[in-house]
N, C-alpha and C. Protein backbone atom coordinates (compact mmCIF):
# COMPACT_ATOMS: atom_id res chain seq x y z
N MET A 1 0.80 -1.08 -0.06
CA MET A 1 0.13 -0.31 0.18
C MET A 1 0.88 1.19 0.15
N THR A 2 0.80 2.01 -0.92
CA THR A 2 1.32 3.24 -0.88
C THR A 2 0.69 4.44 -0.02
N LEU A 3 1.99 5.32 0.33
CA LEU A 3 1.54 6.40 1.10
C LEU A 3 0.18 7.34 0.43
N TRP A 4 -0.06 7.34 -0.48
CA TRP A 4 -1.09 7.98 -0.84
C TRP A 4 -2.21 7.53 -1.21
N THR A 5 -2.16 6.31 -1.06
CA THR A 5 -3.38 5.22 -0.79
C THR A 5 -3.68 5.58 0.68
N THR A 6 -3.14 5.26 1.57
CA THR A 6 -3.16 5.44 2.78
C THR A 6 -3.97 6.49 3.31
N VAL A 7 -3.27 7.64 2.80
CA VAL A 7 -3.95 9.39 3.22
C VAL A 7 -5.45 9.38 2.58
N LEU A 8 -5.32 8.74 0.97
CA LEU A 8 -6.73 8.89 0.80
C LEU A 8 -7.99 8.18 1.43
N MET A 9 -7.85 7.04 1.43
CA MET A 9 -8.02 6.29 2.76
C MET A 9 -8.75 6.51 4.04
N ALA A 10 -7.96 7.15 4.63
CA ALA A 10 -7.82 8.13 5.51
C ALA A 10 -8.86 9.06 5.58
N SER A 11 -8.74 9.87 4.69
CA SER A 11 -9.05 10.94 4.60
C SER A 11 -11.14 10.24 4.26
N ALA A 12 -10.96 9.19 3.51
CA ALA A 12 -12.60 9.27 3.04
C ALA A 12 -13.22 8.35 4.23
N PHE A 13 -12.26 7.92 5.19
CA PHE A 13 -12.81 7.37 6.69
C PHE A 13 -13.12 8.77 7.36
N ALA A 14 -12.43 9.38 7.66
CA ALA A 14 -12.71 10.70 8.48
C ALA A 14 -14.17 11.54 7.75
N PHE A 15 -13.96 11.43 6.76
CA PHE A 15 -15.38 12.13 5.71
C PHE A 15 -16.61 11.37 6.13
N ALA A 16 -16.44 9.60 6.03
CA ALA A 16 -17.53 9.20 6.23
C ALA A 16 -17.86 9.08 7.70
N LEU A 17 -17.17 9.42 8.71
CA LEU A 17 -17.60 9.49 10.22
C LEU A 17 -18.16 10.77 10.30
N LYS A 18 -17.52 11.75 9.66
CA LYS A 18 -18.25 13.10 9.90
C LYS A 18 -19.60 13.08 9.21
N LEU A 19 -19.85 12.25 8.35
CA LEU A 19 -21.23 12.45 7.23
C LEU A 19 -22.12 11.83 8.64
N LEU A 20 -21.80 10.51 8.79
CA LEU A 20 -22.47 9.70 10.13
C LEU A 20 -23.03 10.79 11.23
N GLY A 21 -21.99 11.45 11.40
CA GLY A 21 -22.52 12.27 12.65
C GLY A 21 -23.82 13.07 12.29
N TYR A 22 -23.68 13.52 11.29
CA TYR A 22 -25.20 14.05 10.62
C TYR A 22 -26.49 13.30 10.41
N VAL A 23 -26.36 12.25 10.21
CA VAL A 23 -26.86 11.25 9.36
C VAL A 23 -27.90 10.80 10.94
N VAL A 24 -27.37 10.17 11.83
CA VAL A 24 -27.40 9.59 13.14
C VAL A 24 -28.78 10.59 13.97
N PRO A 25 -29.91 9.95 13.85
CA PRO A 25 -30.75 10.85 14.63
C PRO A 25 -30.46 11.24 16.06
N HIS A 26 -30.87 12.39 16.21
CA HIS A 26 -31.31 13.47 17.78
C HIS A 26 -31.33 12.34 18.80
N HIS A 27 -32.23 11.76 18.59
CA HIS A 27 -33.02 10.86 19.96
C HIS A 27 -31.99 9.43 20.36
N ALA A 28 -31.46 9.33 19.40
CA ALA A 28 -30.32 8.14 19.48
C ALA A 28 -28.76 8.55 20.39
N LEU A 29 -28.64 10.03 20.32
CA LEU A 29 -27.74 10.59 20.79
C LEU A 29 -28.19 11.22 22.30
N ASP A 30 -29.46 11.17 22.82
CA ASP A 30 -29.70 11.89 23.70
C ASP A 30 -30.13 11.24 24.65
N GLY A 31 -29.60 10.09 24.82
CA GLY A 31 -29.53 9.20 26.26
C GLY A 31 -28.65 9.36 27.22
N VAL A 32 -28.70 8.86 28.57
CA VAL A 32 -27.97 9.25 29.72
C VAL A 32 -26.44 8.43 29.20
N VAL A 33 -26.42 7.50 28.95
CA VAL A 33 -25.28 6.67 29.01
C VAL A 33 -24.43 7.40 27.90
N VAL A 34 -24.76 7.68 26.55
CA VAL A 34 -24.38 8.27 25.76
C VAL A 34 -23.89 9.69 26.34
N SER A 35 -24.52 10.35 27.13
CA SER A 35 -24.12 11.74 27.68
C SER A 35 -23.16 11.33 28.38
N ARG A 36 -22.88 10.37 29.27
CA ARG A 36 -21.87 10.44 30.35
C ARG A 36 -20.58 10.08 29.66
N VAL A 37 -20.87 8.96 28.66
CA VAL A 37 -19.46 8.52 27.51
C VAL A 37 -18.77 9.67 26.96
N THR A 38 -19.31 10.34 26.23
CA THR A 38 -19.07 11.38 25.70
C THR A 38 -18.55 12.57 26.31
N ALA A 39 -19.34 12.82 27.67
CA ALA A 39 -18.65 13.62 28.65
C ALA A 39 -17.17 13.21 29.28
N MET A 40 -17.06 11.93 29.79
CA MET A 40 -15.67 11.30 29.98
C MET A 40 -14.89 10.68 29.00
N LEU A 41 -14.52 10.78 27.63
CA LEU A 41 -14.11 10.29 26.87
C LEU A 41 -12.97 11.23 26.56
N PRO A 42 -12.95 12.84 26.85
CA PRO A 42 -11.98 13.10 26.12
C PRO A 42 -10.80 13.07 27.64
N VAL A 43 -11.35 12.82 28.79
CA VAL A 43 -10.57 12.87 30.07
C VAL A 43 -9.55 11.31 29.98
N ALA A 44 -10.40 10.12 29.49
CA ALA A 44 -9.89 8.94 29.48
C ALA A 44 -8.90 8.79 28.17
N LEU A 45 -8.98 9.52 27.28
CA LEU A 45 -7.88 9.62 25.87
C LEU A 45 -6.82 10.58 26.38
N LEU A 46 -7.02 11.40 27.01
CA LEU A 46 -5.98 12.45 27.49
C LEU A 46 -5.24 11.51 28.76
N SER A 47 -5.85 10.96 29.63
CA SER A 47 -4.86 10.18 30.53
C SER A 47 -4.27 8.99 30.32
N ALA A 48 -4.40 8.54 28.80
CA ALA A 48 -3.86 7.51 28.04
C ALA A 48 -2.88 8.14 27.08
N LEU A 49 -2.87 9.36 26.98
CA LEU A 49 -2.29 9.89 26.40
C LEU A 49 -0.59 10.34 27.21
N VAL A 50 -1.17 10.47 28.31
CA VAL A 50 -0.05 10.67 29.35
C VAL A 50 0.38 9.69 29.95
N ALA A 51 -0.14 8.54 30.10
CA ALA A 51 0.17 7.43 30.37
C ALA A 51 1.26 6.80 29.49
N VAL A 52 0.83 6.96 28.31
CA VAL A 52 1.93 6.08 27.14
C VAL A 52 3.29 7.22 27.14
N GLN A 53 2.94 8.23 26.95
CA GLN A 53 4.25 9.30 26.84
C GLN A 53 4.96 9.43 28.12
N THR A 54 4.54 8.96 29.00
CA THR A 54 5.56 9.20 30.43
C THR A 54 6.11 8.04 30.48
N PHE A 55 5.67 6.84 30.44
CA PHE A 55 6.33 5.73 30.96
C PHE A 55 6.59 4.93 29.67
N THR A 56 6.88 5.13 28.44
CA THR A 56 7.11 4.30 26.99
C THR A 56 8.58 4.57 26.92
N ALA A 57 9.76 3.35 26.70
CA ALA A 57 11.00 3.67 26.49
C ALA A 57 11.19 3.83 24.82
N PRO A 58 12.25 4.91 24.32
CA PRO A 58 12.39 4.78 22.77
C PRO A 58 12.16 3.63 22.46
N GLY A 59 12.56 2.66 22.63
CA GLY A 59 12.40 1.22 22.20
C GLY A 59 11.02 0.43 22.38
N ASP A 60 11.32 -0.82 22.46
CA ASP A 60 9.88 -1.47 23.35
C ASP A 60 10.15 -1.61 24.96
N GLY A 61 9.12 -1.39 25.33
CA GLY A 61 8.94 -1.36 26.95
C GLY A 61 8.75 -0.20 27.94
N LEU A 62 8.98 -0.59 29.29
CA LEU A 62 8.39 0.67 29.76
C LEU A 62 9.62 0.98 30.95
N THR A 63 9.61 2.71 31.27
CA THR A 63 10.55 2.97 31.90
C THR A 63 10.22 3.87 32.75
N ILE A 64 10.98 4.29 33.85
CA ILE A 64 10.53 4.99 34.66
C ILE A 64 12.16 6.09 34.66
N ASP A 65 11.50 7.34 34.42
CA ASP A 65 12.98 8.33 34.53
C ASP A 65 12.31 9.55 34.92
N ALA A 66 12.89 10.68 34.30
CA ALA A 66 12.74 11.84 34.97
C ALA A 66 10.86 12.35 34.46
N ARG A 67 10.58 11.79 33.36
CA ARG A 67 9.27 12.23 32.96
C ARG A 67 8.44 11.77 34.67
N ALA A 68 8.42 10.33 34.80
CA ALA A 68 7.74 9.90 35.75
C ALA A 68 7.47 11.01 37.21
N ALA A 69 8.90 11.29 37.55
CA ALA A 69 8.82 12.36 38.58
C ALA A 69 8.22 13.63 38.17
N GLY A 70 8.23 13.89 37.31
CA GLY A 70 7.41 15.03 36.92
C GLY A 70 5.78 15.26 36.76
N LEU A 71 5.38 13.69 36.31
CA LEU A 71 4.07 13.72 36.49
C LEU A 71 3.64 13.40 37.98
N ALA A 72 4.31 13.08 38.73
CA ALA A 72 4.45 12.61 40.24
C ALA A 72 3.93 13.97 40.75
N VAL A 73 5.03 14.83 40.35
CA VAL A 73 4.79 16.33 40.87
C VAL A 73 3.78 17.00 40.71
N ALA A 74 3.57 17.02 39.06
CA ALA A 74 2.15 17.19 38.96
C ALA A 74 0.77 16.88 39.21
N VAL A 75 0.81 15.89 39.73
CA VAL A 75 -0.46 14.90 40.10
C VAL A 75 -0.22 15.81 41.76
N THR A 76 0.60 15.56 42.46
CA THR A 76 0.59 16.36 44.07
C THR A 76 0.30 17.73 43.68
N ALA A 77 0.87 18.52 42.87
CA ALA A 77 0.32 19.78 43.09
C ALA A 77 -1.19 19.89 42.49
N LEU A 78 -1.66 19.05 41.47
CA LEU A 78 -3.21 19.37 41.42
C LEU A 78 -3.83 18.77 42.27
N LEU A 79 -3.56 17.77 42.83
CA LEU A 79 -4.21 17.50 44.57
C LEU A 79 -4.18 18.60 45.41
N LEU A 80 -3.14 19.48 45.58
CA LEU A 80 -2.82 20.70 46.35
C LEU A 80 -3.64 21.78 45.48
N ARG A 81 -4.58 21.85 44.96
CA ARG A 81 -5.17 22.52 44.13
C ARG A 81 -4.35 24.08 43.47
N ALA A 82 -3.62 23.61 42.78
CA ALA A 82 -2.51 25.08 42.31
C ALA A 82 -3.45 24.88 41.31
N PRO A 83 -2.57 26.26 40.71
CA PRO A 83 -3.57 26.58 39.24
C PRO A 83 -2.66 26.08 38.48
N PHE A 84 -3.28 25.60 37.07
CA PHE A 84 -2.58 24.90 35.89
C PHE A 84 -1.52 25.48 35.24
N LEU A 85 -1.21 26.60 35.13
CA LEU A 85 0.46 27.03 35.38
C LEU A 85 1.33 26.91 36.06
N VAL A 86 0.88 26.70 37.40
CA VAL A 86 1.96 26.59 38.21
C VAL A 86 2.11 24.53 38.24
N VAL A 87 1.30 24.08 38.03
CA VAL A 87 1.36 22.45 38.00
C VAL A 87 2.39 22.22 36.45
N VAL A 88 2.06 23.14 35.53
CA VAL A 88 2.89 22.99 34.17
C VAL A 88 4.59 23.07 34.39
N ILE A 89 4.34 24.27 35.23
CA ILE A 89 5.83 24.90 35.41
C ILE A 89 6.68 23.99 36.36
N LEU A 90 6.27 23.72 37.85
CA LEU A 90 6.58 22.67 38.21
C LEU A 90 6.88 21.02 38.02
N ALA A 91 6.30 20.74 37.02
CA ALA A 91 6.45 19.39 36.59
C ALA A 91 7.84 19.79 35.27
N ALA A 92 7.81 20.75 34.76
CA ALA A 92 8.66 20.64 33.67
C ALA A 92 9.98 21.09 34.77
N VAL A 93 9.93 21.97 35.60
CA VAL A 93 10.99 22.20 36.24
C VAL A 93 11.55 20.96 36.90
N THR A 94 11.08 20.24 37.49
CA THR A 94 11.23 18.90 38.14
C THR A 94 12.24 17.77 37.21
N ALA A 95 11.36 17.85 36.15
CA ALA A 95 11.92 16.86 35.10
C ALA A 95 13.28 17.27 34.52
N ALA A 96 13.27 18.64 34.41
CA ALA A 96 14.51 19.30 33.66
C ALA A 96 15.54 19.11 34.87
N SER A 97 15.52 19.34 36.02
CA SER A 97 16.38 19.40 37.01
C SER A 97 17.02 17.62 36.82
N LEU A 98 15.80 16.93 37.24
CA LEU A 98 16.22 15.56 36.98
C LEU A 98 17.21 14.92 36.23
N ARG A 99 16.74 15.57 34.77
CA ARG A 99 17.50 15.42 33.90
C ARG A 99 19.11 16.14 33.76
N ALA A 100 18.79 17.41 34.50
CA ALA A 100 20.13 18.20 34.41
C ALA A 100 21.16 17.09 35.50
N LEU A 101 20.67 16.73 36.38
CA LEU A 101 21.33 15.90 37.41
C LEU A 101 21.79 14.75 36.87
N GLY A 102 21.56 13.98 35.47
CA GLY A 102 22.05 12.92 34.94
C GLY A 102 20.83 11.47 34.98
N TRP A 103 19.71 12.16 35.64
CA TRP A 103 18.82 10.75 35.69
C TRP A 103 17.56 10.94 34.74
N GLY A 104 17.90 10.10 33.88
CA GLY A 104 16.70 10.05 33.00
C GLY A 104 16.91 10.85 31.38
């Protein structure tokens, strides 16, 4: 399969998925379960992205390095109700400091 075939197939799939969103009747999307799932789906996807980006090694396998320490500091800051910008800065400073010290 060539690159252009893959790009065209992905574009067609995205278009069909978007078209399906217009075709589905509103009463099918107004249920309680659908509302809960659509409300929590971004949280689940973002959590999965953070976990994959934090704990995967450049090859195959898992690793614990400065990114994990930065994530731990970020979680702690969030539990202490710190503002989001403070959380990001604390996590970045933690990871950068540990990498500067040679860990990770």
